[in-house]
């Protein structure tokens, strides 16, 4: 069955917090180099509100080679290398030069689990992957990109409005109601002063695949 891919209009809206909430229950999918489709239901996200947000890479209009794709109009990917270990995937939102984005923190795997596991094993080829790690293969933003095959070459790539997407998000008709969404502070942004405690991390209530 074919499902409707999210189009640019979804990402161009002004309210990034609302977009973040609406991404819960959507399906993030990849087909990297034709290796096969991998992905699953989005269960946890974080919103970043550009120039006003002290936790954002675009805070106060800061521009660098690293964050240039954050300033493009919504509907593209912003991928960056974090702590020299993981790639993190964000869906850019809003108009050009807004610098808003939604970090996808966790998915519930539904498609291509064997390929996701293979990628995990290749990443950890010099160590043992525990059963717990396998069971939570995409529960965290860095683990998610390993499982889905996303890396820095996808920074700036389109995630909508194209027939040859490597990364896209589908609407499969799953609506997550407000009562089923929990809000909490974002992870790893203690430096962001008054913005550190804002409840801009959204999760599907009771879902076992959210990050720990």
N, C-alpha and C. Protein backbone atom coordinates (compact mmCIF):
# COMPACT_ATOMS: atom_id res chain seq x y z
N UNK A 1 0.83 -1.20 0.00
CA UNK A 1 0.00 0.00 0.00
C UNK A 1 0.87 1.26 0.00
N UNK A 2 0.51 2.22 -0.81
CA UNK A 2 1.23 3.48 -0.83
C UNK A 2 0.54 4.49 0.08
N UNK A 3 1.38 5.21 0.84
CA UNK A 3 0.85 6.21 1.75
C UNK A 3 1.27 7.60 1.28
N UNK A 4 0.58 8.60 1.77
CA UNK A 4 0.84 9.98 1.36
C UNK A 4 2.09 10.52 2.04
N UNK A 5 3.04 10.96 1.24
CA UNK A 5 4.22 11.62 1.78
C UNK A 5 3.88 13.04 2.20
N UNK A 6 4.47 13.50 3.29
CA UNK A 6 4.28 14.89 3.69
C UNK A 6 4.89 15.80 2.64
N UNK A 7 4.17 16.86 2.30
CA UNK A 7 4.63 17.81 1.29
C UNK A 7 5.20 19.06 1.95
N UNK A 8 5.81 19.89 1.13
CA UNK A 8 6.51 21.07 1.65
C UNK A 8 5.59 21.96 2.48
N UNK A 9 4.32 22.04 2.11
CA UNK A 9 3.38 22.90 2.84
C UNK A 9 3.29 22.52 4.31
N UNK A 10 3.47 21.24 4.62
CA UNK A 10 3.43 20.80 6.01
C UNK A 10 4.55 21.45 6.81
N UNK A 11 5.72 21.55 6.21
CA UNK A 11 6.91 22.04 6.91
C UNK A 11 7.04 23.56 6.88
N UNK A 12 6.37 24.21 5.95
CA UNK A 12 6.52 25.66 5.79
C UNK A 12 5.68 26.46 6.79
N UNK A 13 4.84 25.81 7.54
CA UNK A 13 3.99 26.53 8.49
C UNK A 13 4.83 27.22 9.57
N UNK A 14 4.24 28.22 10.17
CA UNK A 14 4.97 29.08 11.10
C UNK A 14 5.17 28.44 12.48
N UNK A 15 4.21 27.64 12.92
CA UNK A 15 4.21 27.12 14.29
C UNK A 15 5.00 25.81 14.37
N UNK A 16 6.28 25.90 14.67
CA UNK A 16 7.13 24.71 14.72
C UNK A 16 6.77 23.80 15.88
N UNK A 17 6.29 24.34 16.97
CA UNK A 17 5.85 23.50 18.10
C UNK A 17 4.68 22.62 17.68
N UNK A 18 3.76 23.18 16.92
CA UNK A 18 2.63 22.39 16.43
C UNK A 18 3.09 21.35 15.42
N UNK A 19 4.00 21.73 14.55
CA UNK A 19 4.54 20.77 13.59
C UNK A 19 5.19 19.60 14.32
N UNK A 20 5.95 19.91 15.36
CA UNK A 20 6.62 18.86 16.13
C UNK A 20 5.60 17.86 16.69
N UNK A 21 4.53 18.38 17.27
CA UNK A 21 3.50 17.50 17.82
C UNK A 21 2.83 16.67 16.74
N UNK A 22 2.59 17.29 15.59
CA UNK A 22 1.93 16.57 14.50
C UNK A 22 2.83 15.53 13.85
N UNK A 23 4.13 15.63 14.02
CA UNK A 23 5.03 14.61 13.48
C UNK A 23 4.93 13.30 14.26
N UNK A 24 4.48 13.38 15.51
CA UNK A 24 4.26 12.15 16.28
C UNK A 24 3.19 11.31 15.58
N UNK A 25 3.49 10.05 15.38
CA UNK A 25 2.55 9.17 14.68
C UNK A 25 2.76 9.10 13.18
N UNK A 26 3.57 10.04 12.63
CA UNK A 26 3.95 9.95 11.23
C UNK A 26 5.09 8.92 11.11
N UNK A 27 5.43 8.56 9.89
CA UNK A 27 6.43 7.51 9.66
C UNK A 27 7.64 8.07 8.93
N UNK A 28 8.79 7.97 9.57
CA UNK A 28 10.06 8.39 8.97
C UNK A 28 10.69 7.19 8.28
N UNK A 29 11.00 7.34 7.00
CA UNK A 29 11.50 6.23 6.20
C UNK A 29 12.71 6.65 5.38
N UNK A 30 13.59 5.69 5.10
CA UNK A 30 14.75 5.94 4.26
C UNK A 30 14.93 4.80 3.26
N UNK A 31 15.54 5.15 2.15
CA UNK A 31 16.01 4.14 1.19
C UNK A 31 17.36 4.64 0.72
N UNK A 32 18.41 4.27 1.44
CA UNK A 32 19.75 4.81 1.22
C UNK A 32 20.49 3.98 0.19
N UNK A 33 20.87 4.60 -0.90
CA UNK A 33 21.61 3.93 -1.98
C UNK A 33 20.89 2.69 -2.49
N UNK A 34 19.55 2.70 -2.40
CA UNK A 34 18.78 1.57 -2.90
C UNK A 34 18.94 0.30 -2.09
N UNK A 35 19.44 0.42 -0.86
CA UNK A 35 19.69 -0.76 -0.03
C UNK A 35 18.42 -1.40 0.49
N UNK A 36 17.34 -0.67 0.49
CA UNK A 36 16.09 -1.17 1.03
C UNK A 36 15.47 -0.16 1.97
N UNK A 37 14.15 -0.22 2.11
CA UNK A 37 13.45 0.76 2.95
C UNK A 37 13.54 0.38 4.41
N UNK A 38 13.90 1.36 5.22
CA UNK A 38 13.93 1.19 6.67
C UNK A 38 13.18 2.34 7.32
N UNK A 39 12.60 2.09 8.48
CA UNK A 39 11.95 3.19 9.18
C UNK A 39 10.88 2.74 10.14
N UNK A 40 10.11 3.72 10.60
CA UNK A 40 9.07 3.41 11.56
C UNK A 40 8.33 4.65 12.02
N UNK A 41 7.46 4.45 12.98
CA UNK A 41 6.60 5.50 13.50
C UNK A 41 7.38 6.44 14.42
N UNK A 42 7.25 7.73 14.17
CA UNK A 42 7.91 8.73 15.02
C UNK A 42 7.21 8.79 16.37
N UNK A 43 7.99 8.60 17.45
CA UNK A 43 7.40 8.56 18.79
C UNK A 43 7.97 9.64 19.72
N UNK A 44 9.03 10.32 19.28
CA UNK A 44 9.63 11.36 20.14
C UNK A 44 10.34 12.39 19.28
N UNK A 45 10.12 13.67 19.60
CA UNK A 45 10.71 14.77 18.85
C UNK A 45 11.09 15.89 19.80
N UNK A 46 11.91 16.82 19.29
CA UNK A 46 12.21 18.06 20.00
C UNK A 46 12.11 19.22 19.01
N UNK A 47 11.52 20.32 19.45
CA UNK A 47 11.40 21.51 18.62
C UNK A 47 12.49 22.51 18.98
N UNK A 48 13.03 23.17 17.95
CA UNK A 48 14.04 24.22 18.13
C UNK A 48 13.59 25.44 17.33
N UNK A 49 13.52 26.58 18.02
CA UNK A 49 12.89 27.76 17.43
C UNK A 49 13.90 28.84 17.07
N UNK A 50 14.85 28.48 16.26
CA UNK A 50 15.73 29.41 15.56
C UNK A 50 16.34 30.51 16.38
N UNK A 51 16.20 31.73 15.91
CA UNK A 51 16.96 32.87 16.43
C UNK A 51 16.64 33.21 17.88
N UNK A 52 15.42 32.91 18.32
CA UNK A 52 15.02 33.26 19.69
C UNK A 52 15.43 32.21 20.72
N UNK A 53 15.78 31.01 20.26
CA UNK A 53 15.95 29.85 21.11
C UNK A 53 17.43 29.64 21.44
N UNK A 54 17.80 29.80 22.68
CA UNK A 54 19.20 29.70 23.09
C UNK A 54 19.76 28.28 22.97
N UNK A 55 18.88 27.30 22.76
CA UNK A 55 19.33 25.93 22.54
C UNK A 55 19.51 25.61 21.06
N UNK A 56 19.12 26.53 20.19
CA UNK A 56 19.16 26.29 18.75
C UNK A 56 20.52 26.64 18.17
N UNK A 57 20.92 25.91 17.13
CA UNK A 57 22.14 26.26 16.41
C UNK A 57 21.99 27.58 15.66
N UNK A 58 20.77 28.06 15.52
CA UNK A 58 20.53 29.34 14.84
C UNK A 58 20.29 30.49 15.79
N UNK A 59 20.55 30.28 17.08
CA UNK A 59 20.26 31.32 18.08
C UNK A 59 20.98 32.63 17.73
N UNK A 60 20.23 33.70 17.83
CA UNK A 60 20.74 35.05 17.61
C UNK A 60 21.26 35.26 16.19
N UNK A 61 20.75 34.44 15.25
CA UNK A 61 21.15 34.58 13.86
C UNK A 61 22.53 34.04 13.53
N UNK A 62 23.08 33.22 14.41
CA UNK A 62 24.42 32.67 14.18
C UNK A 62 24.45 31.82 12.91
N UNK A 63 25.40 32.07 12.04
CA UNK A 63 25.54 31.32 10.81
C UNK A 63 26.96 30.78 10.68
N UNK A 64 27.06 29.51 10.37
CA UNK A 64 28.35 28.87 10.16
C UNK A 64 28.22 27.92 8.97
N UNK A 65 29.34 27.38 8.53
CA UNK A 65 29.30 26.38 7.46
C UNK A 65 28.48 25.18 7.92
N UNK A 66 28.57 24.85 9.21
CA UNK A 66 27.88 23.69 9.74
C UNK A 66 26.36 23.84 9.68
N UNK A 67 25.85 25.03 9.99
CA UNK A 67 24.39 25.18 10.13
C UNK A 67 23.71 25.84 8.94
N UNK A 68 24.41 25.97 7.82
CA UNK A 68 23.86 26.72 6.69
C UNK A 68 22.53 26.16 6.21
N UNK A 69 22.36 24.83 6.28
CA UNK A 69 21.10 24.23 5.78
C UNK A 69 19.94 24.41 6.75
N UNK A 70 20.25 24.80 7.98
CA UNK A 70 19.19 25.11 8.94
C UNK A 70 18.41 26.35 8.50
N UNK A 71 19.04 27.21 7.71
CA UNK A 71 18.43 28.47 7.29
C UNK A 71 17.65 28.35 5.98
N UNK A 72 17.65 27.16 5.39
CA UNK A 72 16.88 26.98 4.16
C UNK A 72 15.39 26.86 4.50
N UNK A 73 14.52 26.97 3.51
CA UNK A 73 13.10 26.87 3.80
C UNK A 73 12.73 25.45 4.20
N UNK A 74 11.62 25.31 4.90
CA UNK A 74 11.19 24.02 5.42
C UNK A 74 11.03 22.97 4.34
N UNK A 75 11.25 21.72 4.75
CA UNK A 75 11.12 20.61 3.83
C UNK A 75 12.43 19.96 3.47
N UNK A 76 13.49 20.35 4.15
CA UNK A 76 14.80 19.74 3.94
C UNK A 76 15.34 19.17 5.23
N UNK A 77 16.46 18.49 5.12
CA UNK A 77 17.11 17.88 6.28
C UNK A 77 18.24 18.77 6.80
N UNK A 78 18.35 18.85 8.10
CA UNK A 78 19.53 19.44 8.74
C UNK A 78 20.16 18.33 9.56
N UNK A 79 21.32 17.88 9.13
CA UNK A 79 22.03 16.78 9.79
C UNK A 79 23.37 17.30 10.28
N UNK A 80 23.71 17.03 11.52
CA UNK A 80 25.00 17.46 12.04
C UNK A 80 25.63 16.36 12.88
N UNK A 81 26.94 16.49 13.08
CA UNK A 81 27.73 15.52 13.83
C UNK A 81 27.79 15.99 15.28
N UNK A 82 27.40 15.14 16.21
CA UNK A 82 27.29 15.52 17.61
C UNK A 82 28.30 14.78 18.47
N UNK A 83 29.09 15.53 19.24
CA UNK A 83 30.07 14.96 20.16
C UNK A 83 31.08 14.04 19.48
N UNK A 84 31.24 14.20 18.17
CA UNK A 84 32.19 13.36 17.45
C UNK A 84 31.81 11.90 17.40
N UNK A 85 30.54 11.60 17.65
CA UNK A 85 30.08 10.21 17.72
C UNK A 85 28.91 9.95 16.79
N UNK A 86 27.85 10.77 16.91
CA UNK A 86 26.58 10.49 16.23
C UNK A 86 26.20 11.59 15.25
N UNK A 87 25.45 11.20 14.23
CA UNK A 87 24.76 12.15 13.37
C UNK A 87 23.34 12.32 13.90
N UNK A 88 22.84 13.55 13.90
CA UNK A 88 21.47 13.81 14.35
C UNK A 88 20.68 14.40 13.18
N UNK A 89 19.45 13.92 13.03
CA UNK A 89 18.59 14.30 11.91
C UNK A 89 17.47 15.23 12.36
N UNK A 90 17.35 16.37 11.68
CA UNK A 90 16.30 17.35 11.94
C UNK A 90 15.54 17.63 10.65
N UNK A 91 14.24 17.82 10.77
CA UNK A 91 13.42 18.31 9.67
C UNK A 91 13.32 19.82 9.80
N UNK A 92 13.79 20.55 8.80
CA UNK A 92 13.75 22.02 8.83
C UNK A 92 12.32 22.48 8.59
N UNK A 93 11.91 23.51 9.32
CA UNK A 93 10.55 24.03 9.21
C UNK A 93 10.58 25.54 8.96
N UNK A 94 9.43 26.08 8.59
CA UNK A 94 9.30 27.52 8.42
C UNK A 94 9.86 28.05 7.12
N UNK A 95 9.82 29.35 6.99
CA UNK A 95 10.30 30.02 5.79
C UNK A 95 11.83 30.09 5.79
N UNK A 96 12.39 30.42 4.63
CA UNK A 96 13.83 30.58 4.52
C UNK A 96 14.32 31.62 5.52
N UNK A 97 15.47 31.34 6.12
CA UNK A 97 16.14 32.21 7.10
C UNK A 97 15.48 32.20 8.48
N UNK A 98 14.51 31.32 8.69
CA UNK A 98 13.87 31.21 10.00
C UNK A 98 14.73 30.43 10.98
N UNK A 99 15.37 29.35 10.50
CA UNK A 99 16.26 28.50 11.31
C UNK A 99 15.51 27.68 12.36
N UNK A 100 14.25 27.36 12.09
CA UNK A 100 13.48 26.46 12.96
C UNK A 100 13.67 25.02 12.47
N UNK A 101 13.56 24.07 13.39
CA UNK A 101 13.71 22.67 13.01
C UNK A 101 13.13 21.78 14.09
N UNK A 102 12.86 20.53 13.70
CA UNK A 102 12.40 19.51 14.64
C UNK A 102 13.38 18.35 14.60
N UNK A 103 13.99 18.07 15.74
CA UNK A 103 14.89 16.92 15.88
C UNK A 103 14.04 15.66 16.08
N UNK A 104 14.28 14.64 15.27
CA UNK A 104 13.59 13.37 15.46
C UNK A 104 14.42 12.53 16.42
N UNK A 105 13.88 12.26 17.59
CA UNK A 105 14.63 11.59 18.65
C UNK A 105 14.46 10.07 18.65
N UNK A 106 13.29 9.57 18.26
CA UNK A 106 13.07 8.13 18.34
C UNK A 106 11.94 7.71 17.42
N UNK A 107 12.06 6.49 16.90
CA UNK A 107 10.98 5.88 16.13
C UNK A 107 10.71 4.47 16.67
N UNK A 108 9.51 4.01 16.41
CA UNK A 108 9.14 2.62 16.67
C UNK A 108 9.33 1.87 15.35
N UNK A 109 10.36 1.01 15.24
CA UNK A 109 10.67 0.37 13.96
C UNK A 109 9.52 -0.47 13.44
N UNK A 110 9.23 -0.31 12.15
CA UNK A 110 8.17 -1.10 11.52
C UNK A 110 8.61 -1.70 10.19
N UNK A 111 9.67 -1.17 9.60
CA UNK A 111 10.08 -1.58 8.26
C UNK A 111 11.59 -1.77 8.20
N UNK A 112 12.04 -2.91 7.69
CA UNK A 112 13.47 -3.11 7.46
C UNK A 112 14.29 -3.35 8.71
N UNK A 113 13.73 -4.05 9.69
CA UNK A 113 14.43 -4.27 10.95
C UNK A 113 15.76 -5.00 10.75
N UNK A 114 15.81 -5.94 9.83
CA UNK A 114 17.05 -6.70 9.60
C UNK A 114 18.16 -5.78 9.10
N UNK A 115 17.82 -4.87 8.20
CA UNK A 115 18.82 -3.93 7.70
C UNK A 115 19.26 -2.96 8.78
N UNK A 116 18.32 -2.52 9.61
CA UNK A 116 18.67 -1.65 10.72
C UNK A 116 19.66 -2.35 11.65
N UNK A 117 19.39 -3.60 11.95
CA UNK A 117 20.27 -4.37 12.83
C UNK A 117 21.64 -4.55 12.19
N UNK A 118 21.68 -4.80 10.90
CA UNK A 118 22.95 -4.95 10.19
C UNK A 118 23.79 -3.68 10.31
N UNK A 119 23.15 -2.53 10.14
CA UNK A 119 23.87 -1.25 10.28
C UNK A 119 24.40 -1.08 11.70
N UNK A 120 23.59 -1.46 12.67
CA UNK A 120 24.01 -1.37 14.06
C UNK A 120 25.22 -2.27 14.32
N UNK A 121 25.19 -3.46 13.80
CA UNK A 121 26.29 -4.41 13.99
C UNK A 121 27.56 -3.91 13.30
N UNK A 122 27.42 -3.32 12.12
CA UNK A 122 28.58 -2.79 11.41
C UNK A 122 29.19 -1.61 12.17
N UNK A 123 28.35 -0.79 12.77
CA UNK A 123 28.84 0.34 13.56
C UNK A 123 29.58 -0.14 14.80
N UNK A 124 29.15 -1.26 15.34
CA UNK A 124 29.74 -1.79 16.58
C UNK A 124 30.49 -3.09 16.31
N UNK A 125 31.20 -3.17 15.20
CA UNK A 125 31.82 -4.42 14.79
C UNK A 125 32.92 -4.90 15.72
N UNK A 126 33.44 -3.99 16.56
CA UNK A 126 34.47 -4.40 17.49
C UNK A 126 33.94 -4.61 18.91
N UNK A 127 32.60 -4.61 19.03
CA UNK A 127 31.99 -4.84 20.34
C UNK A 127 30.73 -5.66 20.18
N UNK A 128 30.20 -6.14 21.29
CA UNK A 128 28.99 -6.95 21.27
C UNK A 128 27.76 -6.07 21.40
N UNK A 129 26.77 -6.31 20.57
CA UNK A 129 25.50 -5.59 20.67
C UNK A 129 24.55 -6.41 21.53
N UNK A 130 24.16 -5.87 22.67
CA UNK A 130 23.32 -6.60 23.60
C UNK A 130 21.89 -6.71 23.10
N UNK A 131 21.14 -7.62 23.69
CA UNK A 131 19.74 -7.78 23.32
C UNK A 131 18.97 -6.50 23.60
N UNK A 132 19.32 -5.81 24.69
CA UNK A 132 18.64 -4.56 25.02
C UNK A 132 18.88 -3.52 23.95
N UNK A 133 20.12 -3.45 23.43
CA UNK A 133 20.44 -2.48 22.39
C UNK A 133 19.68 -2.79 21.11
N UNK A 134 19.55 -4.07 20.79
CA UNK A 134 18.82 -4.47 19.60
C UNK A 134 17.35 -4.09 19.73
N UNK A 135 16.80 -4.33 20.91
CA UNK A 135 15.39 -4.04 21.13
C UNK A 135 15.08 -2.55 21.10
N UNK A 136 16.10 -1.72 21.34
CA UNK A 136 15.91 -0.27 21.34
C UNK A 136 16.76 0.36 20.24
N UNK A 137 16.74 -0.24 19.08
CA UNK A 137 17.67 0.10 18.01
C UNK A 137 17.53 1.52 17.48
N UNK A 138 16.36 2.13 17.63
CA UNK A 138 16.15 3.49 17.13
C UNK A 138 15.60 4.40 18.21
N UNK A 139 15.91 4.10 19.47
CA UNK A 139 15.40 4.86 20.61
C UNK A 139 16.45 5.85 21.09
N UNK A 140 16.58 6.92 20.36
CA UNK A 140 17.57 7.95 20.62
C UNK A 140 18.02 8.52 19.29
N UNK A 141 18.31 9.82 19.23
CA UNK A 141 18.56 10.45 17.92
C UNK A 141 19.81 9.95 17.21
N UNK A 142 20.84 9.56 17.97
CA UNK A 142 22.04 9.02 17.34
C UNK A 142 21.85 7.59 16.89
N UNK A 143 21.17 6.79 17.69
CA UNK A 143 20.88 5.42 17.31
C UNK A 143 19.96 5.37 16.10
N UNK A 144 19.03 6.31 16.03
CA UNK A 144 18.08 6.37 14.93
C UNK A 144 18.80 6.56 13.59
N UNK A 145 19.77 7.48 13.53
CA UNK A 145 20.44 7.73 12.26
C UNK A 145 21.30 6.54 11.84
N UNK A 146 21.90 5.83 12.80
CA UNK A 146 22.63 4.61 12.45
C UNK A 146 21.68 3.61 11.83
N UNK A 147 20.55 3.39 12.48
CA UNK A 147 19.59 2.39 12.01
C UNK A 147 19.05 2.72 10.62
N UNK A 148 18.86 4.00 10.35
CA UNK A 148 18.26 4.42 9.09
C UNK A 148 19.28 4.74 8.01
N UNK A 149 20.56 4.71 8.35
CA UNK A 149 21.60 4.97 7.36
C UNK A 149 21.81 6.43 7.02
N UNK A 150 21.38 7.32 7.91
CA UNK A 150 21.51 8.76 7.69
C UNK A 150 22.86 9.24 8.19
N UNK A 151 23.55 10.04 7.37
CA UNK A 151 24.82 10.61 7.80
C UNK A 151 24.96 12.02 7.24
N UNK A 152 26.16 12.56 7.33
CA UNK A 152 26.36 13.97 7.01
C UNK A 152 26.11 14.31 5.55
N UNK A 153 26.21 13.33 4.68
CA UNK A 153 25.96 13.64 3.27
C UNK A 153 24.49 13.96 3.01
N UNK A 154 23.62 13.66 3.97
CA UNK A 154 22.21 13.97 3.83
C UNK A 154 21.85 15.36 4.34
N UNK A 155 22.83 16.08 4.87
CA UNK A 155 22.57 17.44 5.32
C UNK A 155 22.14 18.29 4.12
N UNK A 156 20.97 18.88 4.21
CA UNK A 156 20.46 19.72 3.13
C UNK A 156 19.63 19.00 2.09
N UNK A 157 19.54 17.68 2.17
CA UNK A 157 18.77 16.94 1.18
C UNK A 157 17.28 17.19 1.36
N UNK A 158 16.54 17.13 0.27
CA UNK A 158 15.09 17.30 0.33
C UNK A 158 14.45 16.09 0.98
N UNK A 159 13.42 16.31 1.78
CA UNK A 159 12.66 15.21 2.37
C UNK A 159 11.20 15.26 1.90
N UNK A 160 10.92 16.06 0.88
CA UNK A 160 9.58 16.13 0.31
C UNK A 160 9.64 16.68 -1.11
N UNK A 161 8.51 16.61 -1.82
CA UNK A 161 8.35 17.20 -3.15
C UNK A 161 9.36 16.69 -4.17
N UNK A 162 9.64 15.40 -4.12
CA UNK A 162 10.52 14.80 -5.11
C UNK A 162 10.18 13.33 -5.23
N UNK A 163 10.39 12.75 -6.41
CA UNK A 163 10.11 11.34 -6.61
C UNK A 163 11.29 10.45 -6.26
N UNK A 164 12.46 11.05 -6.00
CA UNK A 164 13.66 10.27 -5.73
C UNK A 164 14.26 10.64 -4.38
N UNK A 165 13.45 10.51 -3.36
CA UNK A 165 13.88 10.84 -2.01
C UNK A 165 14.59 9.67 -1.35
N UNK A 166 15.65 9.96 -0.62
CA UNK A 166 16.29 8.95 0.21
C UNK A 166 15.71 8.97 1.63
N UNK A 167 15.16 10.11 2.00
CA UNK A 167 14.55 10.28 3.32
C UNK A 167 13.20 10.96 3.12
N UNK A 168 12.16 10.42 3.73
CA UNK A 168 10.84 11.05 3.62
C UNK A 168 10.00 10.68 4.84
N UNK A 169 8.88 11.39 4.99
CA UNK A 169 7.96 11.15 6.10
C UNK A 169 6.57 10.94 5.53
N UNK A 170 5.91 9.88 5.99
CA UNK A 170 4.58 9.52 5.50
C UNK A 170 3.51 9.74 6.56
N UNK A 171 2.35 10.11 6.07
CA UNK A 171 1.14 10.18 6.90
C UNK A 171 0.34 8.91 6.63
N UNK A 172 0.25 8.04 7.63
CA UNK A 172 -0.50 6.80 7.47
C UNK A 172 -1.83 6.83 8.21
N UNK A 173 -2.28 8.05 8.51
CA UNK A 173 -3.59 8.21 9.11
C UNK A 173 -3.65 8.03 10.61
N UNK A 174 -2.49 7.96 11.26
CA UNK A 174 -2.45 7.81 12.72
C UNK A 174 -2.45 9.19 13.36
N UNK A 175 -3.49 9.52 14.09
CA UNK A 175 -3.58 10.81 14.77
C UNK A 175 -3.29 10.63 16.25
N UNK A 176 -2.31 11.36 16.74
CA UNK A 176 -1.98 11.32 18.17
C UNK A 176 -2.65 12.51 18.84
N UNK A 177 -3.61 12.24 19.68
CA UNK A 177 -4.37 13.30 20.34
C UNK A 177 -3.54 13.97 21.43
N UNK A 178 -3.92 15.19 21.77
CA UNK A 178 -3.19 15.93 22.78
C UNK A 178 -3.04 15.20 24.10
N UNK A 179 -4.07 14.47 24.51
CA UNK A 179 -4.03 13.75 25.78
C UNK A 179 -3.02 12.61 25.76
N UNK A 180 -2.60 12.21 24.55
CA UNK A 180 -1.65 11.11 24.41
C UNK A 180 -0.23 11.59 24.14
N UNK A 181 -0.01 12.90 24.31
CA UNK A 181 1.32 13.48 24.13
C UNK A 181 1.83 14.01 25.46
N UNK A 182 3.04 13.63 25.82
CA UNK A 182 3.67 14.19 27.01
C UNK A 182 4.73 15.19 26.58
N UNK A 183 4.88 16.25 27.36
CA UNK A 183 5.87 17.29 27.07
C UNK A 183 6.89 17.35 28.20
N UNK A 184 8.15 17.51 27.83
CA UNK A 184 9.22 17.57 28.81
C UNK A 184 10.31 18.50 28.28
N UNK A 185 11.29 18.79 29.11
CA UNK A 185 12.40 19.62 28.66
C UNK A 185 13.29 18.84 27.70
N UNK A 186 14.00 19.55 26.87
CA UNK A 186 14.86 18.92 25.88
C UNK A 186 16.13 18.37 26.53
N UNK A 187 16.80 17.48 25.82
CA UNK A 187 17.95 16.77 26.37
C UNK A 187 19.24 17.46 25.97
N UNK A 188 20.18 17.59 26.92
CA UNK A 188 21.52 18.07 26.62
C UNK A 188 21.63 19.54 26.30
N UNK A 189 20.71 20.37 26.82
CA UNK A 189 20.75 21.80 26.51
C UNK A 189 20.83 22.64 27.80
N UNK A 190 21.54 22.14 28.78
CA UNK A 190 21.65 22.84 30.05
C UNK A 190 22.25 24.25 29.90
N UNK A 191 23.03 24.45 28.85
CA UNK A 191 23.67 25.74 28.59
C UNK A 191 22.68 26.82 28.16
N UNK A 192 21.46 26.44 27.84
CA UNK A 192 20.51 27.35 27.19
C UNK A 192 19.74 28.24 28.15
N UNK A 193 20.20 28.34 29.39
CA UNK A 193 19.62 29.24 30.39
C UNK A 193 18.11 29.03 30.51
N UNK A 194 17.31 30.08 30.38
CA UNK A 194 15.87 29.93 30.60
C UNK A 194 15.21 29.04 29.56
N UNK A 195 15.87 28.81 28.45
CA UNK A 195 15.29 27.94 27.41
C UNK A 195 15.55 26.46 27.68
N UNK A 196 16.43 26.16 28.63
CA UNK A 196 16.76 24.76 28.90
C UNK A 196 15.58 23.98 29.47
N UNK A 197 14.73 24.63 30.22
CA UNK A 197 13.64 23.93 30.90
C UNK A 197 12.32 23.98 30.15
N UNK A 198 12.29 24.62 29.00
CA UNK A 198 11.03 24.71 28.26
C UNK A 198 10.58 23.32 27.80
N UNK A 199 9.29 23.02 27.89
CA UNK A 199 8.78 21.68 27.57
C UNK A 199 8.58 21.48 26.07
N UNK A 200 9.68 21.48 25.32
CA UNK A 200 9.61 21.40 23.87
C UNK A 200 10.07 20.05 23.34
N UNK A 201 10.11 19.05 24.23
CA UNK A 201 10.31 17.66 23.80
C UNK A 201 8.96 16.95 23.94
N UNK A 202 8.51 16.33 22.87
CA UNK A 202 7.19 15.71 22.85
C UNK A 202 7.31 14.22 22.57
N UNK A 203 6.55 13.43 23.34
CA UNK A 203 6.60 11.97 23.23
C UNK A 203 5.19 11.40 23.22
N UNK A 204 5.04 10.25 22.57
CA UNK A 204 3.77 9.53 22.65
C UNK A 204 3.69 8.86 24.01
N UNK A 205 2.68 9.18 24.75
CA UNK A 205 2.54 8.69 26.12
C UNK A 205 2.53 7.16 26.15
N UNK A 206 3.39 6.60 27.00
CA UNK A 206 3.42 5.15 27.22
C UNK A 206 4.10 4.33 26.15
N UNK A 207 4.68 5.00 25.14
CA UNK A 207 5.35 4.23 24.07
C UNK A 207 6.72 3.75 24.54
N UNK A 208 7.00 2.47 24.39
CA UNK A 208 8.23 1.88 24.92
C UNK A 208 9.47 2.23 24.10
N UNK A 209 9.26 2.83 22.92
CA UNK A 209 10.38 3.10 22.03
C UNK A 209 10.97 4.49 22.23
N UNK A 210 10.43 5.30 23.13
CA UNK A 210 11.01 6.62 23.37
C UNK A 210 12.38 6.46 23.99
N UNK A 211 13.22 7.49 23.88
CA UNK A 211 14.58 7.40 24.40
C UNK A 211 14.57 7.40 25.91
N UNK A 212 15.63 6.87 26.48
CA UNK A 212 15.78 6.84 27.94
C UNK A 212 16.70 7.93 28.43
